[in-house]
Amino acid sequence: MANIKVTLKKSLIGRKENHIATAKSMGLRKIGDTSVQVKNAATEGKIALISYLVETEEV
């Protein structure tokens, strides 16, 4: 399976609670935090939900 590198680019302050929870579930807490996630349907759904907050790249 491929991996996806996800980086938080915008602040979580003032965002919807479920968007904050999604970011935190991926290990993203502060601007600049990066995590490597397995590419699957669940991860792609999370990224789609908070796509305006994160930057992704294939690893």
PDB file of N, CA and C in Angstrom:
ATOM      1  N   MET A   1       0.824  -1.190   0.000  1.00  0.00           N
ATOM      2  CA  MET A   1       0.000   0.000   0.000  1.00  0.00           C
ATOM      3  C   MET A   1       0.865   1.249   0.000  1.00  0.00           C
ATOM      4  N   ALA A   2       0.358   2.271  -0.625  1.00  0.00           N
ATOM      5  CA  ALA A   2       1.051   3.554  -0.672  1.00  0.00           C
ATOM      6  C   ALA A   2       0.777   4.338   0.611  1.00  0.00           C
ATOM      7  N   ASN A   3       1.618   5.300   0.857  1.00  0.00           N
ATOM      8  CA  ASN A   3       1.450   6.174   2.008  1.00  0.00           C
ATOM      9  C   ASN A   3       1.229   7.599   1.536  1.00  0.00           C
ATOM     10  N   ILE A   4       0.576   8.397   2.376  1.00  0.00           N
ATOM     11  CA  ILE A   4       0.325   9.797   2.092  1.00  0.00           C
ATOM     12  C   ILE A   4       0.902  10.612   3.241  1.00  0.00           C
ATOM     13  N   LYS A   5       1.669  11.637   2.909  1.00  0.00           N
ATOM     14  CA  LYS A   5       2.214  12.558   3.898  1.00  0.00           C
ATOM     15  C   LYS A   5       1.253  13.742   3.980  1.00  0.00           C
ATOM     16  N   VAL A   6       0.728  13.999   5.183  1.00  0.00           N
ATOM     17  CA  VAL A   6      -0.263  15.048   5.395  1.00  0.00           C
ATOM     18  C   VAL A   6       0.338  16.100   6.317  1.00  0.00           C
ATOM     19  N   THR A   7       0.273  17.376   5.906  1.00  0.00           N
ATOM     20  CA  THR A   7       0.813  18.477   6.685  1.00  0.00           C
ATOM     21  C   THR A   7      -0.283  19.502   6.952  1.00  0.00           C
ATOM     22  N   LEU A   8      -0.427  19.912   8.208  1.00  0.00           N
ATOM     23  CA  LEU A   8      -1.413  20.931   8.570  1.00  0.00           C
ATOM     24  C   LEU A   8      -0.869  22.299   8.192  1.00  0.00           C
ATOM     25  N   LYS A   9      -1.577  23.033   7.339  1.00  0.00           N
ATOM     26  CA  LYS A   9      -1.122  24.324   6.831  1.00  0.00           C
ATOM     27  C   LYS A   9      -1.879  25.506   7.403  1.00  0.00           C
ATOM     28  N   LYS A  10      -3.084  25.278   7.933  1.00  0.00           N
ATOM     29  CA  LYS A  10      -3.885  26.367   8.492  1.00  0.00           C
ATOM     30  C   LYS A  10      -4.288  26.015   9.919  1.00  0.00           C
ATOM     31  N   SER A  11      -4.596  27.046  10.687  1.00  0.00           N
ATOM     32  CA  SER A  11      -4.949  26.886  12.088  1.00  0.00           C
ATOM     33  C   SER A  11      -6.286  26.173  12.261  1.00  0.00           C
ATOM     34  N   LEU A  12      -6.435  25.484  13.386  1.00  0.00           N
ATOM     35  CA  LEU A  12      -7.677  24.812  13.728  1.00  0.00           C
ATOM     36  C   LEU A  12      -8.613  25.717  14.531  1.00  0.00           C
ATOM     37  N   ILE A  13      -8.149  26.897  14.912  1.00  0.00           N
ATOM     38  CA  ILE A  13      -8.950  27.820  15.715  1.00  0.00           C
ATOM     39  C   ILE A  13     -10.155  28.287  14.909  1.00  0.00           C
ATOM     40  N   GLY A  14     -11.329  28.188  15.501  1.00  0.00           N
ATOM     41  CA  GLY A  14     -12.553  28.651  14.878  1.00  0.00           C
ATOM     42  C   GLY A  14     -13.151  27.698  13.864  1.00  0.00           C
ATOM     43  N   ARG A  15     -12.615  26.506  13.744  1.00  0.00           N
ATOM     44  CA  ARG A  15     -13.140  25.518  12.789  1.00  0.00           C
ATOM     45  C   ARG A  15     -14.238  24.695  13.457  1.00  0.00           C
ATOM     46  N   LYS A  16     -14.990  23.956  12.652  1.00  0.00           N
ATOM     47  CA  LYS A  16     -16.035  23.086  13.186  1.00  0.00           C
ATOM     48  C   LYS A  16     -15.409  22.005  14.049  1.00  0.00           C
ATOM     49  N   GLU A  17     -16.142  21.594  15.070  1.00  0.00           N
ATOM     50  CA  GLU A  17     -15.629  20.593  16.014  1.00  0.00           C
ATOM     51  C   GLU A  17     -15.250  19.292  15.318  1.00  0.00           C
ATOM     52  N   ASN A  18     -16.056  18.849  14.343  1.00  0.00           N
ATOM     53  CA  ASN A  18     -15.724  17.582  13.693  1.00  0.00           C
ATOM     54  C   ASN A  18     -14.495  17.715  12.796  1.00  0.00           C
ATOM     55  N   HIS A  19     -14.204  18.897  12.277  1.00  0.00           N
ATOM     56  CA  HIS A  19     -12.992  19.099  11.492  1.00  0.00           C
ATOM     57  C   HIS A  19     -11.758  19.080  12.404  1.00  0.00           C
ATOM     58  N   ILE A  20     -11.882  19.683  13.573  1.00  0.00           N
ATOM     59  CA  ILE A  20     -10.782  19.655  14.547  1.00  0.00           C
ATOM     60  C   ILE A  20     -10.518  18.221  14.985  1.00  0.00           C
ATOM     61  N   ALA A  21     -11.578  17.481  15.271  1.00  0.00           N
ATOM     62  CA  ALA A  21     -11.437  16.088  15.705  1.00  0.00           C
ATOM     63  C   ALA A  21     -10.794  15.237  14.616  1.00  0.00           C
ATOM     64  N   THR A  22     -11.142  15.494  13.371  1.00  0.00           N
ATOM     65  CA  THR A  22     -10.558  14.747  12.255  1.00  0.00           C
ATOM     66  C   THR A  22      -9.065  15.018  12.157  1.00  0.00           C
ATOM     67  N   ALA A  23      -8.676  16.284  12.255  1.00  0.00           N
ATOM     68  CA  ALA A  23      -7.257  16.633  12.196  1.00  0.00           C
ATOM     69  C   ALA A  23      -6.495  15.987  13.347  1.00  0.00           C
ATOM     70  N   LYS A  24      -7.042  16.040  14.532  1.00  0.00           N
ATOM     71  CA  LYS A  24      -6.374  15.459  15.701  1.00  0.00           C
ATOM     72  C   LYS A  24      -6.283  13.944  15.597  1.00  0.00           C
ATOM     73  N   SER A  25      -7.285  13.309  14.974  1.00  0.00           N
ATOM     74  CA  SER A  25      -7.236  11.860  14.816  1.00  0.00           C
ATOM     75  C   SER A  25      -6.121  11.440  13.860  1.00  0.00           C
ATOM     76  N   MET A  26      -5.704  12.368  13.013  1.00  0.00           N
ATOM     77  CA  MET A  26      -4.603  12.096  12.093  1.00  0.00           C
ATOM     78  C   MET A  26      -3.257  12.525  12.685  1.00  0.00           C
ATOM     79  N   GLY A  27      -3.261  13.003  13.924  1.00  0.00           N
ATOM     80  CA  GLY A  27      -2.023  13.391  14.590  1.00  0.00           C
ATOM     81  C   GLY A  27      -1.587  14.811  14.279  1.00  0.00           C
ATOM     82  N   LEU A  28      -2.498  15.646  13.801  1.00  0.00           N
ATOM     83  CA  LEU A  28      -2.184  17.030  13.449  1.00  0.00           C
ATOM     84  C   LEU A  28      -2.740  17.952  14.517  1.00  0.00           C
ATOM     85  N   ARG A  29      -1.866  18.611  15.248  1.00  0.00           N
ATOM     86  CA  ARG A  29      -2.299  19.459  16.351  1.00  0.00           C
ATOM     87  C   ARG A  29      -1.944  20.931  16.119  1.00  0.00           C
ATOM     88  N   LYS A  30      -0.750  21.198  15.576  1.00  0.00           N
ATOM     89  CA  LYS A  30      -0.283  22.570  15.352  1.00  0.00           C
ATOM     90  C   LYS A  30       0.049  22.760  13.881  1.00  0.00           C
ATOM     91  N   ILE A  31       0.088  24.016  13.455  1.00  0.00           N
ATOM     92  CA  ILE A  31       0.475  24.322  12.084  1.00  0.00           C
ATOM     93  C   ILE A  31       1.884  23.774  11.849  1.00  0.00           C
ATOM     94  N   GLY A  32       2.063  23.088  10.739  1.00  0.00           N
ATOM     95  CA  GLY A  32       3.362  22.514  10.405  1.00  0.00           C
ATOM     96  C   GLY A  32       3.515  21.067  10.816  1.00  0.00           C
ATOM     97  N   ASP A  33       2.607  20.555  11.634  1.00  0.00           N
ATOM     98  CA  ASP A  33       2.668  19.141  12.018  1.00  0.00           C
ATOM     99  C   ASP A  33       2.464  18.263  10.783  1.00  0.00           C
ATOM    100  N   THR A  34       3.221  17.190  10.720  1.00  0.00           N
ATOM    101  CA  THR A  34       3.154  16.272   9.584  1.00  0.00           C
ATOM    102  C   THR A  34       2.968  14.851  10.095  1.00  0.00           C
ATOM    103  N   SER A  35       2.167  14.087   9.371  1.00  0.00           N
ATOM    104  CA  SER A  35       2.018  12.668   9.688  1.00  0.00           C
ATOM    105  C   SER A  35       1.955  11.883   8.394  1.00  0.00           C
ATOM    106  N   VAL A  36       2.373  10.634   8.475  1.00  0.00           N
ATOM    107  CA  VAL A  36       2.315   9.742   7.323  1.00  0.00           C
ATOM    108  C   VAL A  36       1.183   8.761   7.580  1.00  0.00           C
ATOM    109  N   GLN A  37       0.245   8.706   6.651  1.00  0.00           N
ATOM    110  CA  GLN A  37      -0.938   7.872   6.778  1.00  0.00           C
ATOM    111  C   GLN A  37      -0.956   6.835   5.665  1.00  0.00           C
ATOM    112  N   VAL A  38      -1.537   5.683   5.948  1.00  0.00           N
ATOM    113  CA  VAL A  38      -1.727   4.657   4.927  1.00  0.00           C
ATOM    114  C   VAL A  38      -2.846   5.131   3.999  1.00  0.00           C
ATOM    115  N   LYS A  39      -2.639   4.973   2.707  1.00  0.00           N
ATOM    116  CA  LYS A  39      -3.641   5.411   1.735  1.00  0.00           C
ATOM    117  C   LYS A  39      -4.737   4.357   1.638  1.00  0.00           C
ATOM    118  N   ASN A  40      -5.906   4.694   2.172  1.00  0.00           N
ATOM    119  CA  ASN A  40      -7.085   3.832   2.062  1.00  0.00           C
ATOM    120  C   ASN A  40      -8.322   4.722   2.024  1.00  0.00           C
ATOM    121  N   ALA A  41      -9.478   4.132   1.915  1.00  0.00           N
ATOM    122  CA  ALA A  41     -10.713   4.897   1.767  1.00  0.00           C
ATOM    123  C   ALA A  41     -10.985   5.782   2.986  1.00  0.00           C
ATOM    124  N   ALA A  42     -10.718   5.285   4.174  1.00  0.00           N
ATOM    125  CA  ALA A  42     -10.969   6.060   5.387  1.00  0.00           C
ATOM    126  C   ALA A  42     -10.083   7.298   5.445  1.00  0.00           C
ATOM    127  N   THR A  43      -8.809   7.131   5.141  1.00  0.00           N
ATOM    128  CA  THR A  43      -7.879   8.251   5.158  1.00  0.00           C
ATOM    129  C   THR A  43      -8.232   9.272   4.086  1.00  0.00           C
ATOM    130  N   GLU A  44      -8.590   8.806   2.905  1.00  0.00           N
ATOM    131  CA  GLU A  44      -8.961   9.724   1.833  1.00  0.00           C
ATOM    132  C   GLU A  44     -10.223  10.507   2.184  1.00  0.00           C
ATOM    133  N   GLY A  45     -11.141   9.894   2.908  1.00  0.00           N
ATOM    134  CA  GLY A  45     -12.335  10.598   3.366  1.00  0.00           C
ATOM    135  C   GLY A  45     -12.010  11.685   4.368  1.00  0.00           C
ATOM    136  N   LYS A  46     -11.088  11.382   5.290  1.00  0.00           N
ATOM    137  CA  LYS A  46     -10.659  12.384   6.270  1.00  0.00           C
ATOM    138  C   LYS A  46      -9.979  13.558   5.580  1.00  0.00           C
ATOM    139  N   ILE A  47      -9.116  13.253   4.624  1.00  0.00           N
ATOM    140  CA  ILE A  47      -8.417  14.307   3.903  1.00  0.00           C
ATOM    141  C   ILE A  47      -9.403  15.163   3.106  1.00  0.00           C
ATOM    142  N   ALA A  48     -10.416  14.542   2.516  1.00  0.00           N
ATOM    143  CA  ALA A  48     -11.422  15.288   1.760  1.00  0.00           C
ATOM    144  C   ALA A  48     -12.186  16.253   2.664  1.00  0.00           C
ATOM    145  N   LEU A  49     -12.462  15.837   3.898  1.00  0.00           N
ATOM    146  CA  LEU A  49     -13.198  16.674   4.838  1.00  0.00           C
ATOM    147  C   LEU A  49     -12.410  17.918   5.224  1.00  0.00           C
ATOM    148  N   ILE A  50     -11.109  17.763   5.446  1.00  0.00           N
ATOM    149  CA  ILE A  50     -10.302  18.909   5.898  1.00  0.00           C
ATOM    150  C   ILE A  50      -9.289  19.332   4.834  1.00  0.00           C
ATOM    151  N   SER A  51      -9.633  19.153   3.573  1.00  0.00           N
ATOM    152  CA  SER A  51      -8.702  19.457   2.486  1.00  0.00           C
ATOM    153  C   SER A  51      -8.286  20.923   2.464  1.00  0.00           C
ATOM    154  N   TYR A  52      -9.134  21.823   2.963  1.00  0.00           N
ATOM    155  CA  TYR A  52      -8.811  23.249   2.983  1.00  0.00           C
ATOM    156  C   TYR A  52      -7.808  23.601   4.085  1.00  0.00           C
ATOM    157  N   LEU A  53      -7.513  22.665   4.967  1.00  0.00           N
ATOM    158  CA  LEU A  53      -6.573  22.893   6.066  1.00  0.00           C
ATOM    159  C   LEU A  53      -5.219  22.212   5.857  1.00  0.00           C
ATOM    160  N   VAL A  54      -5.160  21.223   4.992  1.00  0.00           N
ATOM    161  CA  VAL A  54      -3.964  20.398   4.876  1.00  0.00           C
ATOM    162  C   VAL A  54      -3.382  20.400   3.468  1.00  0.00           C
ATOM    163  N   GLU A  55      -2.138  19.958   3.399  1.00  0.00           N
ATOM    164  CA  GLU A  55      -1.442  19.743   2.133  1.00  0.00           C
ATOM    165  C   GLU A  55      -0.992  18.286   2.134  1.00  0.00           C
ATOM    166  N   THR A  56      -1.170  17.620   1.005  1.00  0.00           N
ATOM    167  CA  THR A  56      -0.825  16.195   0.940  1.00  0.00           C
ATOM    168  C   THR A  56       0.173  15.937  -0.174  1.00  0.00           C
ATOM    169  N   GLU A  57       0.926  14.846  -0.003  1.00  0.00           N
ATOM    170  CA  GLU A  57       1.811  14.372  -1.064  1.00  0.00           C
ATOM    171  C   GLU A  57       2.016  12.873  -0.881  1.00  0.00           C
ATOM    172  N   GLU A  58       2.198  12.185  -1.985  1.00  0.00           N
ATOM    173  CA  GLU A  58       2.437  10.743  -1.951  1.00  0.00           C
ATOM    174  C   GLU A  58       3.866  10.481  -1.499  1.00  0.00           C
ATOM    175  N   VAL A  59       4.037   9.441  -0.683  1.00  0.00           N
ATOM    176  CA  VAL A  59       5.380   9.091  -0.201  1.00  0.00           C
ATOM    177  C   VAL A  59       5.756   7.766  -0.806  1.00  0.00           C
TER     178      VAL A  59
END
